[in-house]
Structure formats: structure tokens, C-alpha cells
């Protein structure tokens, strides 16, 4: 299944993540694809808030992985941009860190797509609208395209459908 939303700016992107976090049940992998500045980390910050995580969520670009366990579900936030080989990714143990009922949010998933498919997953592609001004200028709109399979939790599909209907 596939659904596309247009975010009017960072607060909307955050709100979409937060709405999904309120209903997210694990195990679930969110595979976040998009250029720099398209809203991947902002989305994860909202997701964390929706899960009840009060910790400051930052991009794990330099740490590669951050695990937040003080919410309704464990959230594992990974940024695989700097990983170079499959063994590097496998050694991270992302599936194990997310545990049986955790949420895994992976920026720059690349080669990690195959192992993450072992659990229900949603691919979220973030992009600038084709008529947008260059990044960093006044236009804060972003496209968020969600793709999922039949095993996606019903609550997530309902929230996405409600957001798309707005």
C-alpha cells in the first residue's frame, strides 16, 4: 500500500511522527529515505514524543545508533550513512536492540532493507516538492511518501489514512 502526505514544515513533520508514535506497536521498522534536510530526524523526534520518550532526540549520525527505553516502547534510532559494509551493519545488532516489541527507525537504510523486512515495516521517503525553492530557503514543504505491506499494524494505517484525509 502507498500513501503520500505533504508537510507544510517541520512542525507538521514532527506531528506526523508523533501521531504514529501514539499508536505504534512493535515490532515495527520505519525505513527513512531522503536527502539531508528533508525531515527524517524531525519525524523521529515526533515519533519519540508520541511513544512517551522525554529524552532529547538527536540525529545519531556520529554515534550511528541511539536507543531510548524510557517510553511506552523501546525506540532504536539508527543512521547508517557512515556504514560501509554489510558486516558493519550486522554487528550493530539493530533487530536485537529493538527487542520483540520495539520500534526501529533507520535513516539511510540502504543495504539494511533486507534484514529489516524480518518485521513489519514502513518505508518513508522524504523529498522536496518539485516546485520547491532550494533547501534552506523559505519553502518548508516536504513530501512524505509511506509504503507498507499487509502486515503493517492497523492503527498505523488508520492514522496515515486520517492524516491524508486532512
N, C-alpha and C. Protein backbone atom coordinates (compact mmCIF):
# COMPACT_ATOMS: atom_id res chain seq x y z
N UNK A 1 0.85 -1.16 0.00
CA UNK A 1 0.00 0.00 0.00
C UNK A 1 0.90 1.23 0.00
N UNK A 2 0.33 2.34 -0.41
CA UNK A 2 1.13 3.54 -0.59
C UNK A 2 0.27 4.77 -0.30
N UNK A 3 0.86 5.76 0.38
CA UNK A 3 0.13 6.98 0.71
C UNK A 3 1.10 8.14 0.73
N UNK A 4 0.69 9.29 0.21
CA UNK A 4 1.58 10.45 0.16
C UNK A 4 0.96 11.61 0.92
N UNK A 5 1.77 12.24 1.78
CA UNK A 5 1.35 13.42 2.52
C UNK A 5 2.26 14.58 2.13
N UNK A 6 1.74 15.79 2.23
CA UNK A 6 2.59 16.97 2.05
C UNK A 6 2.66 17.68 3.38
N UNK A 7 3.86 17.82 3.90
CA UNK A 7 4.08 18.51 5.16
C UNK A 7 4.33 19.99 4.87
N UNK A 8 3.69 20.84 5.64
CA UNK A 8 3.87 22.28 5.46
C UNK A 8 5.12 22.82 6.13
N UNK A 9 5.81 21.99 6.91
CA UNK A 9 7.02 22.44 7.59
C UNK A 9 7.40 21.48 8.70
N UNK A 10 8.47 21.81 9.42
CA UNK A 10 8.97 20.92 10.47
C UNK A 10 7.93 20.55 11.54
N UNK A 11 7.09 21.50 11.94
CA UNK A 11 6.11 21.19 12.98
C UNK A 11 5.09 20.16 12.50
N UNK A 12 4.77 20.20 11.21
CA UNK A 12 3.84 19.21 10.66
C UNK A 12 4.52 17.84 10.58
N UNK A 13 5.76 17.82 10.11
CA UNK A 13 6.51 16.56 10.03
C UNK A 13 6.64 15.95 11.42
N UNK A 14 6.96 16.76 12.41
CA UNK A 14 7.03 16.32 13.80
C UNK A 14 5.67 15.74 14.22
N UNK A 15 4.59 16.44 13.89
CA UNK A 15 3.26 16.00 14.26
C UNK A 15 2.86 14.67 13.64
N UNK A 16 3.28 14.43 12.40
CA UNK A 16 3.00 13.14 11.76
C UNK A 16 3.73 12.03 12.52
N UNK A 17 5.00 12.26 12.85
CA UNK A 17 5.75 11.28 13.63
C UNK A 17 5.11 11.04 14.99
N UNK A 18 4.68 12.12 15.63
CA UNK A 18 4.07 12.00 16.95
C UNK A 18 2.76 11.20 16.88
N UNK A 19 1.94 11.46 15.88
CA UNK A 19 0.68 10.73 15.72
C UNK A 19 0.94 9.24 15.53
N UNK A 20 1.96 8.89 14.75
CA UNK A 20 2.30 7.48 14.56
C UNK A 20 2.84 6.87 15.85
N UNK A 21 3.64 7.65 16.58
CA UNK A 21 4.19 7.15 17.84
C UNK A 21 3.12 6.82 18.87
N UNK A 22 2.03 7.54 18.86
CA UNK A 22 0.95 7.29 19.82
C UNK A 22 0.30 5.93 19.63
N UNK A 23 0.31 5.43 18.38
CA UNK A 23 -0.36 4.15 18.12
C UNK A 23 0.61 3.03 17.77
N UNK A 24 1.89 3.33 17.63
CA UNK A 24 2.87 2.34 17.19
C UNK A 24 2.99 1.20 18.19
N UNK A 25 2.95 0.00 17.65
CA UNK A 25 3.19 -1.22 18.40
C UNK A 25 4.34 -1.94 17.72
N UNK A 26 5.14 -2.60 18.50
CA UNK A 26 6.25 -3.30 17.91
C UNK A 26 5.96 -4.77 17.76
N UNK A 27 6.78 -5.47 17.04
CA UNK A 27 7.94 -4.92 16.35
C UNK A 27 7.53 -4.16 15.10
N UNK A 28 8.25 -3.08 14.82
CA UNK A 28 7.99 -2.27 13.65
C UNK A 28 9.27 -1.57 13.24
N UNK A 29 9.57 -1.61 11.94
CA UNK A 29 10.73 -0.88 11.40
C UNK A 29 10.22 0.25 10.51
N UNK A 30 10.75 1.43 10.73
CA UNK A 30 10.48 2.59 9.89
C UNK A 30 11.77 2.89 9.13
N UNK A 31 11.73 2.75 7.82
CA UNK A 31 12.91 2.92 6.98
C UNK A 31 12.81 4.29 6.34
N UNK A 32 13.66 5.21 6.77
CA UNK A 32 13.56 6.62 6.42
C UNK A 32 14.58 6.99 5.34
N UNK A 33 14.07 7.35 4.18
CA UNK A 33 14.89 7.62 3.00
C UNK A 33 14.70 9.08 2.59
N UNK A 34 15.79 9.77 2.31
CA UNK A 34 15.68 11.14 1.83
C UNK A 34 16.98 11.90 1.97
N UNK A 35 17.10 12.97 1.22
CA UNK A 35 18.29 13.81 1.26
C UNK A 35 18.41 14.50 2.62
N UNK A 36 19.56 15.11 2.84
CA UNK A 36 19.78 15.93 4.03
C UNK A 36 18.73 17.04 4.07
N UNK A 37 18.22 17.31 5.26
CA UNK A 37 17.32 18.43 5.44
C UNK A 37 15.88 18.19 5.03
N UNK A 38 15.52 16.94 4.73
CA UNK A 38 14.14 16.68 4.31
C UNK A 38 13.22 16.33 5.47
N UNK A 39 13.77 16.15 6.68
CA UNK A 39 12.90 15.96 7.84
C UNK A 39 12.94 14.61 8.52
N UNK A 40 13.90 13.77 8.18
CA UNK A 40 13.95 12.43 8.77
C UNK A 40 14.10 12.48 10.29
N UNK A 41 15.05 13.24 10.80
CA UNK A 41 15.25 13.32 12.24
C UNK A 41 14.10 14.04 12.93
N UNK A 42 13.54 15.06 12.30
CA UNK A 42 12.38 15.75 12.87
C UNK A 42 11.22 14.78 13.04
N UNK A 43 11.02 13.92 12.06
CA UNK A 43 9.99 12.89 12.13
C UNK A 43 10.24 11.96 13.32
N UNK A 44 11.49 11.53 13.51
CA UNK A 44 11.83 10.62 14.61
C UNK A 44 11.64 11.31 15.96
N UNK A 45 11.94 12.60 16.05
CA UNK A 45 11.69 13.34 17.29
C UNK A 45 10.21 13.30 17.64
N UNK A 46 9.34 13.50 16.65
CA UNK A 46 7.91 13.41 16.88
C UNK A 46 7.49 12.00 17.26
N UNK A 47 8.06 11.00 16.58
CA UNK A 47 7.79 9.59 16.90
C UNK A 47 8.11 9.31 18.35
N UNK A 48 9.29 9.76 18.79
CA UNK A 48 9.70 9.56 20.18
C UNK A 48 8.73 10.22 21.15
N UNK A 49 8.30 11.43 20.84
CA UNK A 49 7.34 12.12 21.72
C UNK A 49 6.04 11.32 21.80
N UNK A 50 5.57 10.81 20.67
CA UNK A 50 4.36 10.00 20.66
C UNK A 50 4.49 8.72 21.45
N UNK A 51 5.71 8.20 21.54
CA UNK A 51 5.97 6.99 22.33
C UNK A 51 6.15 7.32 23.81
N UNK A 52 6.11 8.59 24.16
CA UNK A 52 6.28 8.99 25.56
C UNK A 52 7.72 9.12 26.00
N UNK A 53 8.63 9.22 25.05
CA UNK A 53 10.06 9.37 25.35
C UNK A 53 10.35 10.85 25.55
N UNK A 54 10.86 11.18 26.71
CA UNK A 54 11.13 12.58 27.04
C UNK A 54 12.58 12.97 26.81
N UNK A 55 13.44 12.00 26.52
CA UNK A 55 14.86 12.30 26.26
C UNK A 55 14.98 13.20 25.04
N UNK A 56 16.06 13.97 25.00
CA UNK A 56 16.36 14.79 23.84
C UNK A 56 16.81 13.87 22.71
N UNK A 57 16.09 13.88 21.62
CA UNK A 57 16.41 13.03 20.48
C UNK A 57 17.20 13.85 19.47
N UNK A 58 18.35 13.32 19.12
CA UNK A 58 19.22 13.97 18.13
C UNK A 58 19.56 12.97 17.04
N UNK A 59 20.03 13.49 15.94
CA UNK A 59 20.46 12.60 14.87
C UNK A 59 21.62 11.75 15.37
N UNK A 60 21.57 10.44 15.13
CA UNK A 60 22.68 9.58 15.56
C UNK A 60 23.79 9.49 14.53
N UNK A 61 23.98 10.53 13.73
CA UNK A 61 24.96 10.49 12.64
C UNK A 61 26.35 10.05 13.09
N UNK A 62 26.81 10.54 14.23
CA UNK A 62 28.17 10.21 14.67
C UNK A 62 28.19 8.99 15.57
N UNK A 63 27.11 8.74 16.30
CA UNK A 63 27.04 7.56 17.16
C UNK A 63 26.55 6.34 16.39
N UNK A 64 25.93 6.55 15.27
CA UNK A 64 25.30 5.57 14.39
C UNK A 64 23.99 5.05 14.98
N UNK A 65 23.96 4.70 16.28
CA UNK A 65 22.74 4.17 16.88
C UNK A 65 22.50 4.80 18.25
N UNK A 66 21.25 5.14 18.52
CA UNK A 66 20.84 5.57 19.86
C UNK A 66 19.62 4.76 20.24
N UNK A 67 19.58 4.34 21.49
CA UNK A 67 18.46 3.53 21.99
C UNK A 67 17.78 4.30 23.11
N UNK A 68 16.47 4.44 23.00
CA UNK A 68 15.67 5.14 24.00
C UNK A 68 14.69 4.13 24.60
N UNK A 69 14.78 3.91 25.90
CA UNK A 69 13.96 2.87 26.51
C UNK A 69 13.00 3.39 27.56
N UNK A 70 12.85 4.69 27.70
CA UNK A 70 12.02 5.24 28.77
C UNK A 70 10.61 5.61 28.30
N UNK A 71 10.15 5.04 27.21
CA UNK A 71 8.81 5.34 26.71
C UNK A 71 7.93 4.11 26.76
N UNK A 72 6.81 4.20 26.09
CA UNK A 72 5.85 3.10 26.01
C UNK A 72 6.44 1.90 25.28
N UNK A 73 7.34 2.15 24.36
CA UNK A 73 8.08 1.14 23.61
C UNK A 73 9.53 1.59 23.49
N UNK A 74 10.42 0.63 23.34
CA UNK A 74 11.82 0.94 23.06
C UNK A 74 11.89 1.52 21.65
N UNK A 75 12.67 2.58 21.50
CA UNK A 75 12.92 3.16 20.19
C UNK A 75 14.41 3.07 19.91
N UNK A 76 14.76 2.45 18.79
CA UNK A 76 16.14 2.39 18.34
C UNK A 76 16.22 3.26 17.09
N UNK A 77 17.05 4.32 17.16
CA UNK A 77 17.19 5.28 16.08
C UNK A 77 18.60 5.11 15.51
N UNK A 78 18.68 4.73 14.25
CA UNK A 78 19.98 4.49 13.61
C UNK A 78 20.13 5.36 12.37
N UNK A 79 21.37 5.75 12.12
CA UNK A 79 21.72 6.49 10.91
C UNK A 79 22.85 5.70 10.26
N UNK A 80 22.54 5.03 9.16
CA UNK A 80 23.51 4.12 8.54
C UNK A 80 24.33 4.78 7.43
N UNK A 81 24.28 6.10 7.36
CA UNK A 81 25.01 6.80 6.30
C UNK A 81 26.50 6.45 6.28
N UNK A 82 27.10 6.34 7.45
CA UNK A 82 28.55 6.12 7.53
C UNK A 82 28.94 4.65 7.55
N UNK A 83 28.00 3.72 7.53
CA UNK A 83 28.36 2.31 7.50
C UNK A 83 28.75 1.95 6.07
N UNK A 84 29.74 1.11 5.95
CA UNK A 84 30.28 0.83 4.62
C UNK A 84 30.01 -0.60 4.14
N UNK A 85 29.93 -1.54 5.07
CA UNK A 85 29.81 -2.94 4.65
C UNK A 85 28.66 -3.62 5.39
N UNK A 86 28.20 -4.72 4.82
CA UNK A 86 27.15 -5.49 5.48
C UNK A 86 27.57 -5.96 6.87
N UNK A 87 28.81 -6.45 7.07
CA UNK A 87 29.20 -6.84 8.42
C UNK A 87 29.13 -5.67 9.42
N UNK A 88 29.48 -4.46 8.98
CA UNK A 88 29.36 -3.29 9.87
C UNK A 88 27.92 -3.16 10.37
N UNK A 89 27.00 -3.30 9.46
CA UNK A 89 25.59 -3.15 9.81
C UNK A 89 25.14 -4.31 10.69
N UNK A 90 25.53 -5.52 10.32
CA UNK A 90 25.13 -6.69 11.10
C UNK A 90 25.65 -6.61 12.53
N UNK A 91 26.88 -6.12 12.71
CA UNK A 91 27.46 -6.02 14.05
C UNK A 91 26.70 -5.07 14.96
N UNK A 92 25.94 -4.13 14.39
CA UNK A 92 25.18 -3.19 15.21
C UNK A 92 24.09 -3.89 16.00
N UNK A 93 23.55 -4.99 15.49
CA UNK A 93 22.51 -5.73 16.20
C UNK A 93 21.22 -4.94 16.36
N UNK A 94 20.81 -4.24 15.34
CA UNK A 94 19.65 -3.37 15.44
C UNK A 94 18.38 -4.13 15.80
N UNK A 95 18.16 -5.28 15.17
CA UNK A 95 16.95 -6.04 15.47
C UNK A 95 16.93 -6.47 16.93
N UNK A 96 18.07 -6.88 17.44
CA UNK A 96 18.16 -7.30 18.84
C UNK A 96 17.94 -6.12 19.78
N UNK A 97 18.49 -4.94 19.42
CA UNK A 97 18.33 -3.76 20.26
C UNK A 97 16.88 -3.31 20.36
N UNK A 98 16.14 -3.52 19.28
CA UNK A 98 14.73 -3.11 19.27
C UNK A 98 13.88 -4.07 20.10
N UNK A 99 14.38 -5.24 20.39
CA UNK A 99 13.70 -6.29 21.14
C UNK A 99 12.45 -6.73 20.40
N UNK A 100 11.65 -7.56 21.04
CA UNK A 100 10.48 -8.14 20.37
C UNK A 100 9.38 -7.13 20.09
N UNK A 101 9.27 -6.09 20.90
CA UNK A 101 8.15 -5.16 20.70
C UNK A 101 8.61 -3.72 20.53
N UNK A 102 9.84 -3.55 20.09
CA UNK A 102 10.38 -2.20 19.93
C UNK A 102 10.12 -1.63 18.55
N UNK A 103 10.45 -0.35 18.43
CA UNK A 103 10.32 0.38 17.18
C UNK A 103 11.73 0.72 16.69
N UNK A 104 12.00 0.41 15.44
CA UNK A 104 13.30 0.66 14.84
C UNK A 104 13.12 1.73 13.77
N UNK A 105 13.81 2.86 13.91
CA UNK A 105 13.76 3.95 12.93
C UNK A 105 15.15 4.07 12.32
N UNK A 106 15.26 3.78 11.02
CA UNK A 106 16.58 3.73 10.36
C UNK A 106 16.66 4.78 9.26
N UNK A 107 17.54 5.77 9.47
CA UNK A 107 17.83 6.75 8.43
C UNK A 107 18.89 6.17 7.51
N UNK A 108 18.80 6.47 6.25
CA UNK A 108 19.73 5.96 5.23
C UNK A 108 19.80 4.43 5.31
N UNK A 109 18.67 3.72 5.18
CA UNK A 109 18.68 2.28 5.39
C UNK A 109 19.47 1.49 4.37
N UNK A 110 19.58 1.96 3.14
CA UNK A 110 20.41 1.29 2.13
C UNK A 110 20.34 -0.21 2.17
N UNK A 111 21.47 -0.84 2.44
CA UNK A 111 21.58 -2.30 2.44
C UNK A 111 20.79 -2.94 3.58
N UNK A 112 20.38 -2.15 4.56
CA UNK A 112 19.71 -2.74 5.70
C UNK A 112 18.25 -3.08 5.40
N UNK A 113 17.80 -2.79 4.22
CA UNK A 113 16.41 -3.07 3.88
C UNK A 113 16.05 -4.54 4.05
N UNK A 114 16.92 -5.44 3.66
CA UNK A 114 16.58 -6.86 3.72
C UNK A 114 16.41 -7.34 5.17
N UNK A 115 17.37 -7.16 6.09
CA UNK A 115 17.14 -7.63 7.46
C UNK A 115 15.93 -6.96 8.13
N UNK A 116 15.68 -5.70 7.85
CA UNK A 116 14.56 -5.00 8.48
C UNK A 116 13.22 -5.55 8.01
N UNK A 117 13.21 -6.23 6.90
CA UNK A 117 11.97 -6.81 6.41
C UNK A 117 11.56 -8.05 7.20
N UNK A 118 12.37 -8.45 8.18
CA UNK A 118 12.01 -9.56 9.06
C UNK A 118 10.88 -9.17 10.00
N UNK A 119 10.57 -7.89 10.09
CA UNK A 119 9.48 -7.41 10.94
C UNK A 119 8.58 -6.52 10.09
N UNK A 120 7.35 -6.26 10.55
CA UNK A 120 6.52 -5.31 9.80
C UNK A 120 7.30 -4.01 9.62
N UNK A 121 7.18 -3.43 8.43
CA UNK A 121 7.97 -2.23 8.16
C UNK A 121 7.21 -1.26 7.28
N UNK A 122 7.61 -0.01 7.41
CA UNK A 122 7.06 1.06 6.59
C UNK A 122 8.24 1.84 6.04
N UNK A 123 8.27 2.03 4.74
CA UNK A 123 9.29 2.89 4.16
C UNK A 123 8.69 4.28 4.04
N UNK A 124 9.44 5.27 4.51
CA UNK A 124 9.01 6.66 4.42
C UNK A 124 10.05 7.40 3.59
N UNK A 125 9.63 7.91 2.44
CA UNK A 125 10.53 8.64 1.56
C UNK A 125 10.22 10.13 1.71
N UNK A 126 11.22 10.89 2.14
CA UNK A 126 11.11 12.33 2.34
C UNK A 126 11.74 13.02 1.13
N UNK A 127 11.04 14.01 0.59
CA UNK A 127 11.61 14.72 -0.56
C UNK A 127 11.08 16.15 -0.61
N UNK A 128 11.79 16.97 -1.35
CA UNK A 128 11.35 18.34 -1.60
C UNK A 128 10.35 18.29 -2.76
N UNK A 129 9.26 19.05 -2.67
CA UNK A 129 8.35 19.11 -3.82
C UNK A 129 9.09 19.62 -5.06
N UNK A 130 8.67 19.18 -6.23
CA UNK A 130 9.38 19.56 -7.46
C UNK A 130 9.34 21.06 -7.72
N UNK A 131 8.34 21.75 -7.16
CA UNK A 131 8.26 23.20 -7.37
C UNK A 131 8.83 24.00 -6.19
N UNK A 132 9.51 23.32 -5.27
CA UNK A 132 10.04 23.98 -4.07
C UNK A 132 11.25 24.84 -4.41
N UNK A 133 11.44 25.87 -3.60
CA UNK A 133 12.66 26.66 -3.70
C UNK A 133 13.81 25.81 -3.17
N UNK A 134 15.04 26.18 -3.42
CA UNK A 134 16.16 25.38 -2.93
C UNK A 134 16.11 25.19 -1.41
N UNK A 135 16.61 24.04 -0.91
CA UNK A 135 16.63 23.78 0.53
C UNK A 135 17.27 24.93 1.29
N UNK A 136 16.74 25.20 2.47
CA UNK A 136 17.29 26.26 3.30
C UNK A 136 16.66 27.61 3.05
N UNK A 137 15.81 27.70 2.03
CA UNK A 137 15.12 28.95 1.77
C UNK A 137 13.74 28.91 2.41
N UNK A 138 12.85 29.79 2.02
CA UNK A 138 11.56 29.95 2.69
C UNK A 138 10.62 28.76 2.57
N UNK A 139 10.70 27.98 1.54
CA UNK A 139 9.75 26.89 1.32
C UNK A 139 10.08 25.72 2.25
N UNK A 140 9.19 25.47 3.20
CA UNK A 140 9.43 24.40 4.18
C UNK A 140 8.64 23.14 3.86
N UNK A 141 7.94 23.10 2.73
CA UNK A 141 7.14 21.92 2.39
C UNK A 141 8.03 20.71 2.11
N UNK A 142 7.49 19.55 2.47
CA UNK A 142 8.17 18.29 2.17
C UNK A 142 7.13 17.27 1.76
N UNK A 143 7.49 16.38 0.86
CA UNK A 143 6.66 15.23 0.54
C UNK A 143 7.06 14.10 1.48
N UNK A 144 6.10 13.40 2.03
CA UNK A 144 6.33 12.21 2.83
C UNK A 144 5.52 11.10 2.17
N UNK A 145 6.22 10.13 1.60
CA UNK A 145 5.53 9.03 0.94
C UNK A 145 5.73 7.76 1.75
N UNK A 146 4.64 7.16 2.19
CA UNK A 146 4.65 5.97 3.04
C UNK A 146 4.30 4.75 2.19
N UNK A 147 5.08 3.69 2.32
CA UNK A 147 4.81 2.43 1.63
C UNK A 147 4.90 1.31 2.66
N UNK A 148 3.89 0.42 2.65
CA UNK A 148 3.87 -0.67 3.61
C UNK A 148 3.22 -1.90 2.99
N UNK A 149 3.42 -3.04 3.65
CA UNK A 149 2.85 -4.31 3.22
C UNK A 149 1.63 -4.63 4.08
N UNK A 150 1.01 -5.76 3.81
CA UNK A 150 -0.20 -6.15 4.52
C UNK A 150 0.01 -6.36 6.02
N UNK A 151 1.24 -6.61 6.46
CA UNK A 151 1.48 -6.87 7.88
C UNK A 151 1.65 -5.60 8.71
N UNK A 152 1.42 -4.44 8.12
CA UNK A 152 1.53 -3.17 8.85
C UNK A 152 0.42 -3.10 9.90
N UNK A 153 0.75 -2.69 11.12
CA UNK A 153 -0.27 -2.59 12.17
C UNK A 153 -1.45 -1.71 11.74
N UNK A 154 -2.66 -2.17 12.04
CA UNK A 154 -3.88 -1.48 11.63
C UNK A 154 -3.92 -0.04 12.14
N UNK A 155 -3.49 0.18 13.39
CA UNK A 155 -3.52 1.53 13.95
C UNK A 155 -2.70 2.52 13.14
N UNK A 156 -1.56 2.08 12.64
CA UNK A 156 -0.70 2.95 11.81
C UNK A 156 -1.43 3.32 10.52
N UNK A 157 -2.02 2.32 9.87
CA UNK A 157 -2.73 2.56 8.61
C UNK A 157 -3.89 3.53 8.84
N UNK A 158 -4.61 3.36 9.95
CA UNK A 158 -5.72 4.27 10.26
C UNK A 158 -5.24 5.70 10.46
N UNK A 159 -4.15 5.88 11.18
CA UNK A 159 -3.62 7.23 11.41
C UNK A 159 -3.16 7.85 10.09
N UNK A 160 -2.43 7.09 9.28
CA UNK A 160 -1.98 7.62 7.99
C UNK A 160 -3.17 8.01 7.11
N UNK A 161 -4.19 7.18 7.09
CA UNK A 161 -5.38 7.49 6.29
C UNK A 161 -6.06 8.76 6.79
N UNK A 162 -6.15 8.91 8.11
CA UNK A 162 -6.77 10.12 8.69
C UNK A 162 -5.95 11.36 8.35
N UNK A 163 -4.63 11.26 8.42
CA UNK A 163 -3.76 12.41 8.09
C UNK A 163 -3.90 12.77 6.62
N UNK A 164 -4.00 11.78 5.76
CA UNK A 164 -4.11 12.03 4.32
C UNK A 164 -5.45 12.69 3.97
N UNK A 165 -6.46 12.41 4.77
CA UNK A 165 -7.80 12.95 4.50
C UNK A 165 -7.91 14.43 4.86
N UNK A 166 -6.95 14.97 5.60
CA UNK A 166 -7.00 16.39 6.01
C UNK A 166 -6.78 17.32 4.86
